[in-house]
Amino acid sequence: MARDEHAVREAAEQSAAILTAAGMPKMPARVLMALTVAEDGGLTALELGDVLGVSAAAISGAVRYLQSLAIVRRVSRPGSRRDRYEVPPNAWLASFAQERPVYRALADLADSASNAIGDQTSTAALRLEEMASFYRFLDARLPGLMAEWEKDRDEQKG
């Protein structure tokens, strides 16, 4: 079956819109999805600008943001002054693993705020207690979920 470039780009743009609605900035979401559907594994900044119809500055800011999430990496190309950007293997797993310290910090801050309230039966303290419990639950379960994902992925690959 031949690649339907229009359908691929439409799916990438719709996926980027969902990521944006979930809180990711629009341009990084579009760049991430353009790289995800790139057939040869990556694109230069110039190619990304052409595909998305945006400036080099927009691409630069987007890839910097995505690199900070460990979901995109820059790869030097021998003999070329242009770097290539690609989604590395296990990028989704790495980006979630990177969030674990944030979950712990949010749980600890919720505990601190709850303690500062003083009345542990107050509505605010109860909400903060639930917040802390939720983030501790995520932090505790994430390693198991990541291991389960790796096993499932490996079984799918055969």
C-alpha atoms as a PDB file:
ATOM      1  CA  MET A   1       0.000   0.000   0.000  1.00  0.00           C
ATOM      2  CA  ALA A   2       1.393   3.404  -0.989  1.00  0.00           C
ATOM      3  CA  ARG A   3       1.878   6.098   1.636  1.00  0.00           C
ATOM      4  CA  ASP A   4      -0.956   8.652   1.568  1.00  0.00           C
ATOM      5  CA  GLU A   5       1.026  11.783   2.390  1.00  0.00           C
ATOM      6  CA  HIS A   6      -2.079  13.941   2.803  1.00  0.00           C
ATOM      7  CA  ALA A   7      -3.636  11.504   5.289  1.00  0.00           C
ATOM      8  CA  VAL A   8      -0.339  11.168   7.190  1.00  0.00           C
ATOM      9  CA  ARG A   9       0.024  14.950   7.521  1.00  0.00           C
ATOM     10  CA  GLU A  10      -3.621  15.320   8.546  1.00  0.00           C
ATOM     11  CA  ALA A  11      -3.226  12.670  11.255  1.00  0.00           C
ATOM     12  CA  ALA A  12      -0.022  14.365  12.456  1.00  0.00           C
ATOM     13  CA  GLU A  13      -1.736  17.763  12.668  1.00  0.00           C
ATOM     14  CA  GLN A  14      -4.738  16.295  14.502  1.00  0.00           C
ATOM     15  CA  SER A  15      -2.404  14.527  16.938  1.00  0.00           C
ATOM     16  CA  ALA A  16      -0.542  17.794  17.492  1.00  0.00           C
ATOM     17  CA  ALA A  17      -3.861  19.523  18.206  1.00  0.00           C
ATOM     18  CA  ILE A  18      -4.667  16.905  20.851  1.00  0.00           C
ATOM     19  CA  LEU A  19      -1.229  17.340  22.439  1.00  0.00           C
ATOM     20  CA  THR A  20      -1.806  21.109  22.442  1.00  0.00           C
ATOM     21  CA  ALA A  21      -5.211  20.678  24.087  1.00  0.00           C
ATOM     22  CA  ALA A  22      -3.481  18.520  26.721  1.00  0.00           C
ATOM     23  CA  GLY A  23      -1.059  21.346  27.517  1.00  0.00           C
ATOM     24  CA  MET A  24       1.909  21.025  25.173  1.00  0.00           C
ATOM     25  CA  PRO A  25       2.776  24.247  23.340  1.00  0.00           C
ATOM     26  CA  LYS A  26       1.495  24.230  19.757  1.00  0.00           C
ATOM     27  CA  MET A  27       4.753  24.459  17.806  1.00  0.00           C
ATOM     28  CA  PRO A  28       6.574  21.743  19.802  1.00  0.00           C
ATOM     29  CA  ALA A  29       3.531  19.504  19.350  1.00  0.00           C
ATOM     30  CA  ARG A  30       3.565  20.067  15.584  1.00  0.00           C
ATOM     31  CA  VAL A  31       7.334  19.486  15.369  1.00  0.00           C
ATOM     32  CA  LEU A  32       7.077  16.317  17.470  1.00  0.00           C
ATOM     33  CA  MET A  33       4.386  14.870  15.244  1.00  0.00           C
ATOM     34  CA  ALA A  34       6.196  15.888  12.040  1.00  0.00           C
ATOM     35  CA  LEU A  35       9.268  14.018  13.301  1.00  0.00           C
ATOM     36  CA  THR A  36       7.175  11.064  14.420  1.00  0.00           C
ATOM     37  CA  VAL A  37       5.739  10.542  10.930  1.00  0.00           C
ATOM     38  CA  ALA A  38       9.004  11.287   9.085  1.00  0.00           C
ATOM     39  CA  GLU A  39       9.701   8.209   7.008  1.00  0.00           C
ATOM     40  CA  ASP A  40      13.484   8.348   7.194  1.00  0.00           C
ATOM     41  CA  GLY A  41      13.567   8.891  10.958  1.00  0.00           C
ATOM     42  CA  GLY A  42      14.310  12.570  11.202  1.00  0.00           C
ATOM     43  CA  LEU A  43      14.403  15.984   9.584  1.00  0.00           C
ATOM     44  CA  THR A  44      16.678  19.014   9.551  1.00  0.00           C
ATOM     45  CA  ALA A  45      15.414  22.347  10.847  1.00  0.00           C
ATOM     46  CA  LEU A  46      15.065  23.527   7.246  1.00  0.00           C
ATOM     47  CA  GLU A  47      13.010  20.453   6.329  1.00  0.00           C
ATOM     48  CA  LEU A  48      10.821  20.893   9.422  1.00  0.00           C
ATOM     49  CA  GLY A  49      10.229  24.530   8.467  1.00  0.00           C
ATOM     50  CA  ASP A  50       9.237  23.480   4.951  1.00  0.00           C
ATOM     51  CA  VAL A  51       6.918  20.702   6.139  1.00  0.00           C
ATOM     52  CA  LEU A  52       5.203  22.901   8.720  1.00  0.00           C
ATOM     53  CA  GLY A  53       5.356  26.198   6.821  1.00  0.00           C
ATOM     54  CA  VAL A  54       7.014  28.055   9.696  1.00  0.00           C
ATOM     55  CA  SER A  55      10.189  30.026  10.349  1.00  0.00           C
ATOM     56  CA  ALA A  56      13.554  28.728  11.496  1.00  0.00           C
ATOM     57  CA  ALA A  57      13.062  30.587  14.788  1.00  0.00           C
ATOM     58  CA  ALA A  58       9.832  28.707  15.467  1.00  0.00           C
ATOM     59  CA  ILE A  59      11.585  25.401  14.779  1.00  0.00           C
ATOM     60  CA  SER A  60      14.545  26.334  16.978  1.00  0.00           C
ATOM     61  CA  GLY A  61      12.370  27.105  19.993  1.00  0.00           C
ATOM     62  CA  ALA A  62      10.262  23.994  19.482  1.00  0.00           C
ATOM     63  CA  VAL A  63      13.189  21.574  19.247  1.00  0.00           C
ATOM     64  CA  ARG A  64      14.814  23.181  22.294  1.00  0.00           C
ATOM     65  CA  TYR A  65      11.605  22.554  24.250  1.00  0.00           C
ATOM     66  CA  LEU A  66      11.330  18.962  22.998  1.00  0.00           C
ATOM     67  CA  GLN A  67      14.988  18.276  23.786  1.00  0.00           C
ATOM     68  CA  SER A  68      14.366  19.419  27.370  1.00  0.00           C
ATOM     69  CA  LEU A  69      11.693  16.710  27.594  1.00  0.00           C
ATOM     70  CA  ALA A  70      14.122  14.096  26.171  1.00  0.00           C
ATOM     71  CA  ILE A  71      11.636  13.320  23.421  1.00  0.00           C
ATOM     72  CA  VAL A  72      13.691  14.735  20.537  1.00  0.00           C
ATOM     73  CA  ARG A  73      17.421  14.599  19.995  1.00  0.00           C
ATOM     74  CA  ARG A  74      19.823  16.442  17.725  1.00  0.00           C
ATOM     75  CA  VAL A  75      22.058  14.255  15.567  1.00  0.00           C
ATOM     76  CA  SER A  76      25.113  15.611  13.770  1.00  0.00           C
ATOM     77  CA  ARG A  77      25.458  14.523  10.174  1.00  0.00           C
ATOM     78  CA  PRO A  78      29.012  13.850   8.974  1.00  0.00           C
ATOM     79  CA  GLY A  79      29.940  16.155   6.120  1.00  0.00           C
ATOM     80  CA  SER A  80      26.994  18.472   6.716  1.00  0.00           C
ATOM     81  CA  ARG A  81      26.616  21.654   8.709  1.00  0.00           C
ATOM     82  CA  ARG A  82      22.935  20.892   9.244  1.00  0.00           C
ATOM     83  CA  ASP A  83      21.923  18.826  12.230  1.00  0.00           C
ATOM     84  CA  ARG A  84      19.038  16.432  12.030  1.00  0.00           C
ATOM     85  CA  TYR A  85      16.332  16.094  14.663  1.00  0.00           C
ATOM     86  CA  GLU A  86      14.723  12.781  15.448  1.00  0.00           C
ATOM     87  CA  VAL A  87      12.557  11.016  17.986  1.00  0.00           C
ATOM     88  CA  PRO A  88      14.921   8.557  19.689  1.00  0.00           C
ATOM     89  CA  PRO A  89      14.021   4.967  20.507  1.00  0.00           C
ATOM     90  CA  ASN A  90      12.049   4.740  23.762  1.00  0.00           C
ATOM     91  CA  ALA A  91      11.340   8.484  23.667  1.00  0.00           C
ATOM     92  CA  TRP A  92       7.872   8.103  25.160  1.00  0.00           C
ATOM     93  CA  LEU A  93       9.199   5.993  28.004  1.00  0.00           C
ATOM     94  CA  ALA A  94      12.090   8.383  28.668  1.00  0.00           C
ATOM     95  CA  SER A  95       9.834  11.422  28.769  1.00  0.00           C
ATOM     96  CA  PHE A  96       7.551   9.827  31.355  1.00  0.00           C
ATOM     97  CA  ALA A  97      10.471   8.555  33.442  1.00  0.00           C
ATOM     98  CA  GLN A  98      11.797  12.102  33.534  1.00  0.00           C
ATOM     99  CA  GLU A  99       8.596  13.271  35.260  1.00  0.00           C
ATOM    100  CA  ARG A 100       9.043  11.131  38.394  1.00  0.00           C
ATOM    101  CA  PRO A 101      10.891  13.814  40.387  1.00  0.00           C
ATOM    102  CA  VAL A 102       8.052  16.220  39.595  1.00  0.00           C
ATOM    103  CA  TYR A 103       5.498  13.786  41.061  1.00  0.00           C
ATOM    104  CA  ARG A 104       7.528  13.472  44.268  1.00  0.00           C
ATOM    105  CA  ALA A 105       7.969  17.231  44.547  1.00  0.00           C
ATOM    106  CA  LEU A 106       4.250  17.880  44.039  1.00  0.00           C
ATOM    107  CA  ALA A 107       3.358  15.290  46.690  1.00  0.00           C
ATOM    108  CA  ASP A 108       5.802  16.836  49.174  1.00  0.00           C
ATOM    109  CA  LEU A 109       4.522  20.347  48.480  1.00  0.00           C
ATOM    110  CA  ALA A 110       0.928  19.204  48.938  1.00  0.00           C
ATOM    111  CA  ASP A 111       1.917  17.743  52.323  1.00  0.00           C
ATOM    112  CA  SER A 112       3.608  21.022  53.299  1.00  0.00           C
ATOM    113  CA  ALA A 113       0.581  23.049  52.297  1.00  0.00           C
ATOM    114  CA  SER A 114      -1.735  20.686  54.149  1.00  0.00           C
ATOM    115  CA  ASN A 115       0.407  20.952  57.278  1.00  0.00           C
ATOM    116  CA  ALA A 116       0.394  24.745  56.989  1.00  0.00           C
ATOM    117  CA  ILE A 117      -3.403  24.733  56.958  1.00  0.00           C
ATOM    118  CA  GLY A 118      -3.333  23.087  60.362  1.00  0.00           C
ATOM    119  CA  ASP A 119      -6.870  21.700  60.360  1.00  0.00           C
ATOM    120  CA  GLN A 120      -6.505  18.319  58.649  1.00  0.00           C
ATOM    121  CA  THR A 121     -10.295  18.000  58.384  1.00  0.00           C
ATOM    122  CA  SER A 122     -10.673  21.177  56.315  1.00  0.00           C
ATOM    123  CA  THR A 123     -11.774  20.843  52.698  1.00  0.00           C
ATOM    124  CA  ALA A 124      -8.505  22.314  51.440  1.00  0.00           C
ATOM    125  CA  ALA A 125      -6.375  19.956  53.558  1.00  0.00           C
ATOM    126  CA  LEU A 126      -8.371  16.961  52.330  1.00  0.00           C
ATOM    127  CA  ARG A 127      -7.893  18.013  48.693  1.00  0.00           C
ATOM    128  CA  LEU A 128      -4.174  18.439  49.307  1.00  0.00           C
ATOM    129  CA  GLU A 129      -4.007  15.027  50.972  1.00  0.00           C
ATOM    130  CA  GLU A 130      -5.679  13.477  47.926  1.00  0.00           C
ATOM    131  CA  MET A 131      -3.270  15.321  45.630  1.00  0.00           C
ATOM    132  CA  ALA A 132      -0.258  14.028  47.575  1.00  0.00           C
ATOM    133  CA  SER A 133      -1.650  10.482  47.576  1.00  0.00           C
ATOM    134  CA  PHE A 134      -2.308  10.607  43.834  1.00  0.00           C
ATOM    135  CA  TYR A 135       1.219  11.756  42.957  1.00  0.00           C
ATOM    136  CA  ARG A 136       2.786   9.210  45.308  1.00  0.00           C
ATOM    137  CA  PHE A 137       0.645   6.529  43.652  1.00  0.00           C
ATOM    138  CA  LEU A 138       1.891   7.602  40.211  1.00  0.00           C
ATOM    139  CA  ASP A 139       5.474   7.702  41.425  1.00  0.00           C
ATOM    140  CA  ALA A 140       5.202   4.213  42.919  1.00  0.00           C
ATOM    141  CA  ARG A 141       3.430   2.667  39.935  1.00  0.00           C
ATOM    142  CA  LEU A 142       5.399   4.281  37.122  1.00  0.00           C
ATOM    143  CA  PRO A 143       8.436   1.953  37.276  1.00  0.00           C
ATOM    144  CA  GLY A 144       6.159  -1.100  37.069  1.00  0.00           C
ATOM    145  CA  LEU A 145       4.139   0.402  34.231  1.00  0.00           C
ATOM    146  CA  MET A 146       7.314   1.240  32.316  1.00  0.00           C
ATOM    147  CA  ALA A 147       8.616  -2.309  32.763  1.00  0.00           C
ATOM    148  CA  GLU A 148       5.239  -3.680  31.673  1.00  0.00           C
ATOM    149  CA  TRP A 149       5.314  -1.441  28.598  1.00  0.00           C
ATOM    150  CA  GLU A 150       8.819  -2.581  27.651  1.00  0.00           C
ATOM    151  CA  LYS A 151       7.777  -6.221  27.974  1.00  0.00           C
ATOM    152  CA  ASP A 152       4.616  -5.667  25.951  1.00  0.00           C
ATOM    153  CA  ARG A 153       6.526  -3.728  23.278  1.00  0.00           C
ATOM    154  CA  ASP A 154       9.167  -6.450  23.032  1.00  0.00           C
ATOM    155  CA  GLU A 155       6.483  -9.146  22.711  1.00  0.00           C
ATOM    156  CA  GLN A 156       4.773  -7.167  19.931  1.00  0.00           C
ATOM    157  CA  LYS A 157       8.042  -6.948  18.041  1.00  0.00           C
ATOM    158  CA  GLY A 158       8.442 -10.702  18.334  1.00  0.00           C
END
